[in-house]
Amino acid sequence: MIKFVAAIVLTFALIPSVSAHRYFFGLTEISTNKNTDAIEIVHQYTLHDVQQALKKRLGKAFRLEQEDAEKQIRNWVNEEFQLTDSQGEAVKPSWVGFEADYQKIWIYQEVPKRDNLCRWTLSNTLLMNNFSAQVNTINVVDDYGNRSLILTIENTSDTIKCQQAIKE
């Protein structure tokens, strides 16, 4: 009997978990590069969730190895993540690229030198059309400090607020 129970426990221990995760979150950092004054944007998401979203968008399986993978990711991010400066003008980040491991994907964008991010509005609906519980956190790091915006399906956009400049 002990061997039978041990065999069952070992069998289940060796089977990879296939249950879906219960949390859906993304993290974006928007920061000013002190050397170039460019605004750097880094999005981090669960690779499987991104693949599922692109599969739904394209109507067929999506793999990072496919020939047009970078183009498809770029188009998706450009449609789902948008910036507007303090004068109400749309800001189109330049595509830098992406990298991924077996669990995460990092997507890189950049905006040329700007005065500051104060009163910029951003909208981030990445993965929200696929997962209603999706939470996208945006961390802003610049001369005005570190602050975070939390976006959900009920609130897909927010404005970056700035207090007084941090003195070094």
N, C-alpha and C. Protein backbone atom coordinates (compact mmCIF):
# COMPACT_ATOMS: atom_id res chain seq x y z
N MET A 1 0.82 -1.20 0.00
CA MET A 1 0.00 0.00 0.00
C MET A 1 0.85 1.26 0.00
N ILE A 2 1.92 1.25 0.79
CA ILE A 2 2.80 2.41 0.87
C ILE A 2 3.44 2.66 -0.50
N LYS A 3 3.85 1.61 -1.19
CA LYS A 3 4.44 1.77 -2.52
C LYS A 3 3.42 2.36 -3.50
N PHE A 4 2.17 1.93 -3.39
CA PHE A 4 1.11 2.44 -4.26
C PHE A 4 0.90 3.94 -4.04
N VAL A 5 0.79 4.36 -2.79
CA VAL A 5 0.60 5.78 -2.46
C VAL A 5 1.82 6.59 -2.91
N ALA A 6 3.01 6.05 -2.68
CA ALA A 6 4.24 6.75 -3.10
C ALA A 6 4.28 6.90 -4.61
N ALA A 7 3.84 5.89 -5.34
CA ALA A 7 3.82 5.96 -6.80
C ALA A 7 2.84 7.03 -7.28
N ILE A 8 1.68 7.14 -6.65
CA ILE A 8 0.70 8.16 -7.03
C ILE A 8 1.24 9.55 -6.74
N VAL A 9 1.83 9.73 -5.55
CA VAL A 9 2.40 11.04 -5.19
C VAL A 9 3.50 11.41 -6.17
N LEU A 10 4.37 10.48 -6.50
CA LEU A 10 5.46 10.74 -7.44
C LEU A 10 4.92 11.08 -8.82
N THR A 11 3.88 10.39 -9.25
CA THR A 11 3.28 10.67 -10.56
C THR A 11 2.76 12.09 -10.62
N PHE A 12 2.02 12.51 -9.60
CA PHE A 12 1.48 13.86 -9.59
C PHE A 12 2.57 14.91 -9.44
N ALA A 13 3.63 14.59 -8.76
CA ALA A 13 4.74 15.54 -8.59
C ALA A 13 5.47 15.78 -9.91
N LEU A 14 5.48 14.77 -10.77
CA LEU A 14 6.18 14.89 -12.04
C LEU A 14 5.35 15.52 -13.15
N ILE A 15 4.05 15.58 -12.96
CA ILE A 15 3.17 16.19 -13.97
C ILE A 15 3.23 17.70 -13.80
N PRO A 16 3.60 18.44 -14.86
CA PRO A 16 3.65 19.90 -14.73
C PRO A 16 2.26 20.47 -14.48
N SER A 17 2.25 21.54 -13.76
CA SER A 17 0.98 22.19 -13.44
C SER A 17 0.40 22.80 -14.71
N VAL A 18 -0.84 22.49 -14.99
CA VAL A 18 -1.49 23.05 -16.18
C VAL A 18 -2.65 23.95 -15.81
N SER A 19 -2.81 24.17 -14.52
CA SER A 19 -3.91 25.05 -14.13
C SER A 19 -3.56 26.49 -14.47
N ALA A 20 -4.56 27.25 -14.83
CA ALA A 20 -4.37 28.65 -15.18
C ALA A 20 -4.08 29.45 -13.93
N HIS A 21 -3.25 30.47 -14.09
CA HIS A 21 -3.00 31.31 -12.93
C HIS A 21 -4.20 32.21 -12.69
N ARG A 22 -4.31 32.71 -11.48
CA ARG A 22 -5.51 33.44 -11.08
C ARG A 22 -5.29 34.93 -11.03
N TYR A 23 -4.14 35.37 -11.35
CA TYR A 23 -3.85 36.80 -11.33
C TYR A 23 -3.36 37.21 -12.70
N PHE A 24 -3.70 38.42 -13.08
CA PHE A 24 -3.32 38.94 -14.38
C PHE A 24 -2.80 40.35 -14.16
N PHE A 25 -1.51 40.52 -14.34
CA PHE A 25 -0.93 41.83 -14.11
C PHE A 25 0.17 42.10 -15.12
N GLY A 26 0.37 43.36 -15.36
CA GLY A 26 1.47 43.80 -16.19
C GLY A 26 2.15 44.96 -15.48
N LEU A 27 3.39 45.12 -15.79
CA LEU A 27 4.17 46.19 -15.18
C LEU A 27 4.86 46.98 -16.28
N THR A 28 4.65 48.29 -16.25
CA THR A 28 5.32 49.18 -17.20
C THR A 28 6.11 50.19 -16.40
N GLU A 29 7.35 50.40 -16.79
CA GLU A 29 8.14 51.46 -16.17
C GLU A 29 8.43 52.52 -17.21
N ILE A 30 8.14 53.76 -16.85
CA ILE A 30 8.43 54.90 -17.70
C ILE A 30 9.46 55.73 -16.95
N SER A 31 10.64 55.89 -17.53
CA SER A 31 11.69 56.61 -16.83
C SER A 31 12.47 57.47 -17.81
N THR A 32 13.12 58.47 -17.25
CA THR A 32 13.95 59.37 -18.05
C THR A 32 15.39 58.89 -17.97
N ASN A 33 16.02 58.69 -19.12
CA ASN A 33 17.42 58.31 -19.16
C ASN A 33 18.24 59.58 -18.90
N LYS A 34 19.01 59.57 -17.83
CA LYS A 34 19.78 60.77 -17.44
C LYS A 34 20.86 61.12 -18.46
N ASN A 35 21.34 60.16 -19.24
CA ASN A 35 22.39 60.42 -20.22
C ASN A 35 21.86 61.04 -21.51
N THR A 36 20.66 60.60 -21.93
CA THR A 36 20.13 61.06 -23.22
C THR A 36 18.89 61.94 -23.07
N ASP A 37 18.32 61.99 -21.87
CA ASP A 37 17.06 62.67 -21.59
C ASP A 37 15.88 62.06 -22.34
N ALA A 38 16.08 60.91 -22.96
CA ALA A 38 14.99 60.20 -23.63
C ALA A 38 14.10 59.55 -22.58
N ILE A 39 12.85 59.37 -22.91
CA ILE A 39 11.91 58.67 -22.04
C ILE A 39 11.90 57.21 -22.48
N GLU A 40 12.29 56.34 -21.57
CA GLU A 40 12.34 54.92 -21.86
C GLU A 40 11.13 54.23 -21.26
N ILE A 41 10.52 53.34 -22.04
CA ILE A 41 9.32 52.63 -21.61
C ILE A 41 9.61 51.13 -21.71
N VAL A 42 9.40 50.44 -20.60
CA VAL A 42 9.60 48.99 -20.56
C VAL A 42 8.33 48.35 -20.03
N HIS A 43 7.73 47.49 -20.84
CA HIS A 43 6.54 46.74 -20.45
C HIS A 43 6.97 45.32 -20.11
N GLN A 44 6.43 44.77 -19.03
CA GLN A 44 6.71 43.38 -18.67
C GLN A 44 5.39 42.66 -18.45
N TYR A 45 5.23 41.54 -19.17
CA TYR A 45 4.00 40.75 -19.07
C TYR A 45 4.34 39.27 -19.06
N THR A 46 3.36 38.47 -18.67
CA THR A 46 3.49 37.02 -18.73
C THR A 46 3.42 36.59 -20.19
N LEU A 47 4.42 35.88 -20.65
CA LEU A 47 4.51 35.50 -22.06
C LEU A 47 3.27 34.73 -22.53
N HIS A 48 2.82 33.79 -21.75
CA HIS A 48 1.66 32.99 -22.14
C HIS A 48 0.44 33.87 -22.37
N ASP A 49 0.24 34.87 -21.51
CA ASP A 49 -0.91 35.77 -21.66
C ASP A 49 -0.81 36.58 -22.95
N VAL A 50 0.38 37.04 -23.26
CA VAL A 50 0.59 37.81 -24.50
C VAL A 50 0.33 36.91 -25.71
N GLN A 51 0.82 35.69 -25.65
CA GLN A 51 0.59 34.77 -26.76
C GLN A 51 -0.91 34.49 -26.94
N GLN A 52 -1.63 34.35 -25.84
CA GLN A 52 -3.08 34.13 -25.91
C GLN A 52 -3.78 35.35 -26.52
N ALA A 53 -3.38 36.54 -26.11
CA ALA A 53 -4.00 37.77 -26.63
C ALA A 53 -3.75 37.90 -28.13
N LEU A 54 -2.53 37.61 -28.56
CA LEU A 54 -2.21 37.72 -29.98
C LEU A 54 -2.87 36.61 -30.79
N LYS A 55 -3.05 35.45 -30.19
CA LYS A 55 -3.78 34.37 -30.87
C LYS A 55 -5.22 34.82 -31.12
N LYS A 56 -5.85 35.40 -30.11
CA LYS A 56 -7.22 35.89 -30.26
C LYS A 56 -7.28 37.00 -31.30
N ARG A 57 -6.32 37.91 -31.26
CA ARG A 57 -6.28 39.04 -32.18
C ARG A 57 -6.10 38.59 -33.63
N LEU A 58 -5.23 37.62 -33.83
CA LEU A 58 -4.89 37.17 -35.18
C LEU A 58 -5.80 36.06 -35.69
N GLY A 59 -6.50 35.40 -34.78
CA GLY A 59 -7.36 34.29 -35.19
C GLY A 59 -6.60 33.02 -35.51
N LYS A 60 -5.35 32.95 -35.05
CA LYS A 60 -4.53 31.74 -35.24
C LYS A 60 -3.44 31.73 -34.19
N ALA A 61 -2.80 30.61 -34.03
CA ALA A 61 -1.75 30.47 -33.03
C ALA A 61 -0.66 31.52 -33.24
N PHE A 62 -0.13 32.01 -32.14
CA PHE A 62 0.96 32.99 -32.20
C PHE A 62 2.16 32.42 -31.45
N ARG A 63 3.32 32.46 -32.11
CA ARG A 63 4.58 32.01 -31.50
C ARG A 63 5.65 33.07 -31.75
N LEU A 64 6.53 33.24 -30.79
CA LEU A 64 7.61 34.22 -30.96
C LEU A 64 8.54 33.87 -32.11
N GLU A 65 8.57 32.61 -32.48
CA GLU A 65 9.46 32.16 -33.55
C GLU A 65 8.93 32.49 -34.95
N GLN A 66 7.67 32.87 -35.05
CA GLN A 66 7.13 33.12 -36.39
C GLN A 66 7.76 34.38 -36.98
N GLU A 67 7.77 34.42 -38.31
CA GLU A 67 8.47 35.47 -39.05
C GLU A 67 8.00 36.88 -38.71
N ASP A 68 6.71 37.07 -38.52
CA ASP A 68 6.18 38.41 -38.29
C ASP A 68 5.89 38.69 -36.81
N ALA A 69 6.49 37.94 -35.90
CA ALA A 69 6.19 38.07 -34.47
C ALA A 69 6.45 39.49 -33.96
N GLU A 70 7.59 40.05 -34.28
CA GLU A 70 7.91 41.39 -33.77
C GLU A 70 6.92 42.43 -34.30
N LYS A 71 6.57 42.33 -35.56
CA LYS A 71 5.61 43.26 -36.15
C LYS A 71 4.25 43.15 -35.46
N GLN A 72 3.81 41.92 -35.20
CA GLN A 72 2.52 41.72 -34.54
C GLN A 72 2.52 42.27 -33.11
N ILE A 73 3.59 42.06 -32.38
CA ILE A 73 3.71 42.60 -31.02
C ILE A 73 3.72 44.12 -31.07
N ARG A 74 4.50 44.68 -31.98
CA ARG A 74 4.60 46.15 -32.11
C ARG A 74 3.23 46.77 -32.42
N ASN A 75 2.51 46.20 -33.37
CA ASN A 75 1.19 46.73 -33.73
C ASN A 75 0.22 46.66 -32.54
N TRP A 76 0.25 45.54 -31.84
CA TRP A 76 -0.62 45.35 -30.68
C TRP A 76 -0.32 46.38 -29.59
N VAL A 77 0.95 46.56 -29.26
CA VAL A 77 1.33 47.52 -28.22
C VAL A 77 0.98 48.94 -28.65
N ASN A 78 1.24 49.28 -29.89
CA ASN A 78 0.93 50.63 -30.37
C ASN A 78 -0.57 50.95 -30.30
N GLU A 79 -1.42 49.94 -30.46
CA GLU A 79 -2.86 50.15 -30.36
C GLU A 79 -3.36 50.20 -28.92
N GLU A 80 -2.73 49.44 -28.04
CA GLU A 80 -3.23 49.28 -26.67
C GLU A 80 -2.56 50.20 -25.64
N PHE A 81 -1.41 50.78 -25.98
CA PHE A 81 -0.70 51.66 -25.05
C PHE A 81 -0.51 53.01 -25.74
N GLN A 82 -1.11 54.04 -25.16
CA GLN A 82 -1.04 55.36 -25.79
C GLN A 82 -0.69 56.44 -24.78
N LEU A 83 0.05 57.43 -25.26
CA LEU A 83 0.48 58.57 -24.45
C LEU A 83 -0.01 59.86 -25.09
N THR A 84 -0.37 60.81 -24.24
CA THR A 84 -0.74 62.15 -24.69
C THR A 84 0.01 63.13 -23.81
N ASP A 85 0.70 64.10 -24.41
CA ASP A 85 1.47 65.05 -23.60
C ASP A 85 0.57 66.07 -22.93
N SER A 86 1.17 66.98 -22.17
CA SER A 86 0.39 67.94 -21.38
C SER A 86 -0.37 68.94 -22.25
N GLN A 87 -0.02 69.06 -23.53
CA GLN A 87 -0.76 69.93 -24.45
C GLN A 87 -1.86 69.18 -25.21
N GLY A 88 -2.04 67.91 -24.88
CA GLY A 88 -3.08 67.12 -25.53
C GLY A 88 -2.65 66.50 -26.85
N GLU A 89 -1.37 66.57 -27.17
CA GLU A 89 -0.86 65.99 -28.42
C GLU A 89 -0.49 64.52 -28.20
N ALA A 90 -0.88 63.66 -29.13
CA ALA A 90 -0.52 62.25 -29.06
C ALA A 90 1.00 62.11 -29.20
N VAL A 91 1.56 61.25 -28.38
CA VAL A 91 2.99 60.96 -28.41
C VAL A 91 3.14 59.52 -28.87
N LYS A 92 3.86 59.31 -29.96
CA LYS A 92 4.04 57.97 -30.50
C LYS A 92 5.44 57.47 -30.13
N PRO A 93 5.53 56.55 -29.17
CA PRO A 93 6.85 56.02 -28.82
C PRO A 93 7.46 55.25 -29.99
N SER A 94 8.78 55.35 -30.09
CA SER A 94 9.51 54.57 -31.09
C SER A 94 9.67 53.15 -30.58
N TRP A 95 9.62 52.21 -31.48
CA TRP A 95 9.82 50.81 -31.15
C TRP A 95 11.30 50.55 -30.98
N VAL A 96 11.68 49.91 -29.89
CA VAL A 96 13.07 49.53 -29.66
C VAL A 96 13.23 48.03 -29.87
N GLY A 97 12.30 47.25 -29.32
CA GLY A 97 12.37 45.81 -29.50
C GLY A 97 11.72 45.07 -28.35
N PHE A 98 11.99 43.76 -28.29
CA PHE A 98 11.46 42.95 -27.20
C PHE A 98 12.42 41.80 -26.94
N GLU A 99 12.30 41.22 -25.78
CA GLU A 99 13.00 39.98 -25.46
C GLU A 99 12.10 39.16 -24.55
N ALA A 100 12.34 37.87 -24.52
CA ALA A 100 11.48 36.99 -23.74
C ALA A 100 12.28 35.81 -23.23
N ASP A 101 11.82 35.27 -22.11
CA ASP A 101 12.30 33.98 -21.67
C ASP A 101 11.08 33.06 -21.68
N TYR A 102 11.13 31.96 -21.00
CA TYR A 102 10.01 31.02 -21.07
C TYR A 102 8.78 31.47 -20.29
N GLN A 103 8.91 32.53 -19.44
CA GLN A 103 7.76 32.99 -18.66
C GLN A 103 7.36 34.42 -18.93
N LYS A 104 8.29 35.30 -19.19
CA LYS A 104 8.04 36.73 -19.29
C LYS A 104 8.45 37.27 -20.65
N ILE A 105 7.84 38.41 -20.99
CA ILE A 105 8.24 39.15 -22.18
C ILE A 105 8.44 40.59 -21.75
N TRP A 106 9.51 41.19 -22.25
CA TRP A 106 9.82 42.59 -22.00
C TRP A 106 9.77 43.30 -23.34
N ILE A 107 9.02 44.40 -23.38
CA ILE A 107 8.82 45.15 -24.61
C ILE A 107 9.36 46.56 -24.37
N TYR A 108 10.20 47.03 -25.31
CA TYR A 108 10.91 48.30 -25.12
C TYR A 108 10.46 49.35 -26.15
N GLN A 109 10.19 50.54 -25.63
CA GLN A 109 9.85 51.69 -26.47
C GLN A 109 10.62 52.90 -25.95
N GLU A 110 10.64 53.96 -26.76
CA GLU A 110 11.38 55.16 -26.37
C GLU A 110 10.74 56.40 -26.98
N VAL A 111 10.79 57.49 -26.25
CA VAL A 111 10.32 58.79 -26.73
C VAL A 111 11.52 59.73 -26.65
N PRO A 112 11.83 60.47 -27.73
CA PRO A 112 12.96 61.41 -27.68
C PRO A 112 12.81 62.42 -26.55
N LYS A 113 13.88 63.10 -26.28
CA LYS A 113 13.95 64.07 -25.18
C LYS A 113 12.71 64.97 -25.11
N ARG A 114 12.17 65.09 -23.91
CA ARG A 114 11.03 65.96 -23.61
C ARG A 114 11.32 66.69 -22.32
N ASP A 115 10.61 67.79 -22.07
CA ASP A 115 10.83 68.55 -20.84
C ASP A 115 10.55 67.71 -19.60
N ASN A 116 9.37 67.16 -19.50
CA ASN A 116 9.01 66.30 -18.36
C ASN A 116 7.72 65.56 -18.69
N LEU A 117 7.32 64.70 -17.77
CA LEU A 117 6.13 63.88 -17.96
C LEU A 117 4.91 64.43 -17.23
N CYS A 118 5.04 65.58 -16.61
CA CYS A 118 3.94 66.15 -15.83
C CYS A 118 2.71 66.37 -16.70
N ARG A 119 1.59 65.90 -16.18
CA ARG A 119 0.26 66.04 -16.80
C ARG A 119 0.13 65.27 -18.12
N TRP A 120 1.01 64.33 -18.36
CA TRP A 120 0.82 63.43 -19.50
C TRP A 120 -0.29 62.45 -19.13
N THR A 121 -1.08 62.09 -20.10
CA THR A 121 -2.12 61.08 -19.89
C THR A 121 -1.68 59.82 -20.60
N LEU A 122 -1.90 58.70 -19.96
CA LEU A 122 -1.59 57.43 -20.62
C LEU A 122 -2.77 56.50 -20.51
N SER A 123 -2.89 55.67 -21.52
CA SER A 123 -3.91 54.64 -21.57
C SER A 123 -3.21 53.32 -21.84
N ASN A 124 -3.53 52.33 -21.03
CA ASN A 124 -2.91 51.02 -21.20
C ASN A 124 -3.97 49.95 -21.05
N THR A 125 -4.42 49.41 -22.18
CA THR A 125 -5.40 48.34 -22.17
C THR A 125 -4.79 46.99 -22.56
N LEU A 126 -3.47 46.89 -22.50
CA LEU A 126 -2.81 45.63 -22.84
C LEU A 126 -3.39 44.50 -21.98
N LEU A 127 -3.86 43.48 -22.64
CA LEU A 127 -4.44 42.26 -22.07
C LEU A 127 -5.81 42.44 -21.44
N MET A 128 -6.31 43.66 -21.32
CA MET A 128 -7.62 43.86 -20.68
C MET A 128 -8.77 43.29 -21.50
N ASN A 129 -8.62 43.22 -22.81
CA ASN A 129 -9.67 42.64 -23.65
C ASN A 129 -9.70 41.12 -23.52
N ASN A 130 -8.66 40.54 -22.96
CA ASN A 130 -8.57 39.10 -22.81
C ASN A 130 -8.85 38.61 -21.40
N PHE A 131 -8.48 39.43 -20.43
CA PHE A 131 -8.61 39.04 -19.03
C PHE A 131 -9.24 40.19 -18.27
N SER A 132 -10.49 40.02 -17.86
CA SER A 132 -11.20 41.12 -17.19
C SER A 132 -10.56 41.50 -15.86
N ALA A 133 -9.80 40.61 -15.26
CA ALA A 133 -9.14 40.90 -13.99
C ALA A 133 -7.75 41.52 -14.18
N GLN A 134 -7.38 41.82 -15.42
CA GLN A 134 -6.06 42.37 -15.71
C GLN A 134 -5.84 43.69 -14.96
N VAL A 135 -4.68 43.81 -14.33
CA VAL A 135 -4.25 45.05 -13.67
C VAL A 135 -2.92 45.45 -14.29
N ASN A 136 -2.85 46.66 -14.82
CA ASN A 136 -1.62 47.17 -15.39
C ASN A 136 -1.10 48.29 -14.49
N THR A 137 0.07 48.07 -13.91
CA THR A 137 0.71 49.05 -13.05
C THR A 137 1.76 49.79 -13.86
N ILE A 138 1.74 51.10 -13.78
CA ILE A 138 2.72 51.92 -14.48
C ILE A 138 3.53 52.66 -13.42
N ASN A 139 4.82 52.38 -13.36
CA ASN A 139 5.72 53.09 -12.46
C ASN A 139 6.41 54.19 -13.26
N VAL A 140 6.35 55.40 -12.74
CA VAL A 140 6.99 56.55 -13.37
C VAL A 140 8.17 56.96 -12.49
N VAL A 141 9.35 57.05 -13.12
CA VAL A 141 10.57 57.40 -12.39
C VAL A 141 11.23 58.55 -13.14
N ASP A 142 11.29 59.72 -12.49
CA ASP A 142 11.93 60.88 -13.11
C ASP A 142 12.38 61.85 -12.02
N ASP A 143 12.72 63.07 -12.41
CA ASP A 143 13.19 64.05 -11.45
C ASP A 143 12.14 64.43 -10.42
N TYR A 144 10.89 64.08 -10.65
CA TYR A 144 9.81 64.40 -9.72
C TYR A 144 9.54 63.25 -8.75
N GLY A 145 10.33 62.22 -8.81
CA GLY A 145 10.20 61.10 -7.88
C GLY A 145 9.69 59.84 -8.54
N ASN A 146 9.29 58.92 -7.70
CA ASN A 146 8.75 57.64 -8.14
C ASN A 146 7.27 57.60 -7.75
N ARG A 147 6.44 57.26 -8.70
CA ARG A 147 5.02 57.12 -8.41
C ARG A 147 4.43 56.06 -9.32
N SER A 148 3.26 55.59 -8.93
CA SER A 148 2.63 54.50 -9.68
C SER A 148 1.19 54.84 -10.03
N LEU A 149 0.79 54.37 -11.19
CA LEU A 149 -0.60 54.45 -11.63
C LEU A 149 -1.10 53.01 -11.76
N ILE A 150 -2.29 52.76 -11.28
CA ILE A 150 -2.88 51.43 -11.36
C ILE A 150 -4.08 51.51 -12.30
N LEU A 151 -4.02 50.73 -13.39
CA LEU A 151 -5.10 50.74 -14.37
C LEU A 151 -5.79 49.38 -14.40
N THR A 152 -7.11 49.43 -14.52
CA THR A 152 -7.94 48.22 -14.60
C THR A 152 -8.95 48.41 -15.73
N ILE A 153 -9.76 47.41 -15.95
CA ILE A 153 -10.78 47.49 -17.00
C ILE A 153 -11.75 48.63 -16.73
N GLU A 154 -11.95 48.98 -15.48
CA GLU A 154 -12.85 50.09 -15.12
C GLU A 154 -12.17 51.45 -15.28
N ASN A 155 -10.85 51.48 -15.27
CA ASN A 155 -10.09 52.72 -15.34
C ASN A 155 -8.84 52.47 -16.18
N THR A 156 -8.96 52.65 -17.48
CA THR A 156 -7.87 52.28 -18.40
C THR A 156 -6.89 53.41 -18.68
N SER A 157 -7.14 54.59 -18.12
CA SER A 157 -6.22 55.70 -18.36
C SER A 157 -6.09 56.55 -17.09
N ASP A 158 -4.99 57.30 -17.02
CA ASP A 158 -4.75 58.18 -15.89
C ASP A 158 -3.73 59.23 -16.31
N THR A 159 -3.59 60.24 -15.46
CA THR A 159 -2.66 61.34 -15.73
C THR A 159 -1.51 61.28 -14.75
N ILE A 160 -0.31 61.49 -15.26
CA ILE A 160 0.88 61.51 -14.43
C ILE A 160 0.93 62.84 -13.68
N LYS A 161 0.96 62.74 -12.39
CA LYS A 161 1.00 63.95 -11.56
C LYS A 161 2.44 64.19 -11.11
N CYS A 162 2.80 65.47 -10.97
CA CYS A 162 4.13 65.84 -10.52
C CYS A 162 4.01 66.83 -9.40
N GLN A 163 4.78 66.58 -8.36
CA GLN A 163 4.88 67.53 -7.25
C GLN A 163 6.13 68.37 -7.51
N GLN A 164 6.73 68.84 -6.48
CA GLN A 164 7.97 69.60 -6.66
C GLN A 164 9.11 68.67 -7.03
N ALA A 165 10.09 69.23 -7.67
CA ALA A 165 11.26 68.44 -8.08
C ALA A 165 12.01 67.94 -6.87
N ILE A 166 12.59 66.77 -6.98
CA ILE A 166 13.41 66.21 -5.91
C ILE A 166 14.78 66.85 -5.99
N LYS A 167 15.26 67.35 -4.89
CA LYS A 167 16.59 67.95 -4.83
C LYS A 167 17.61 66.88 -4.50
N GLU A 168 18.69 66.85 -5.24
CA GLU A 168 19.72 65.84 -4.98
C GLU A 168 20.75 66.39 -4.03
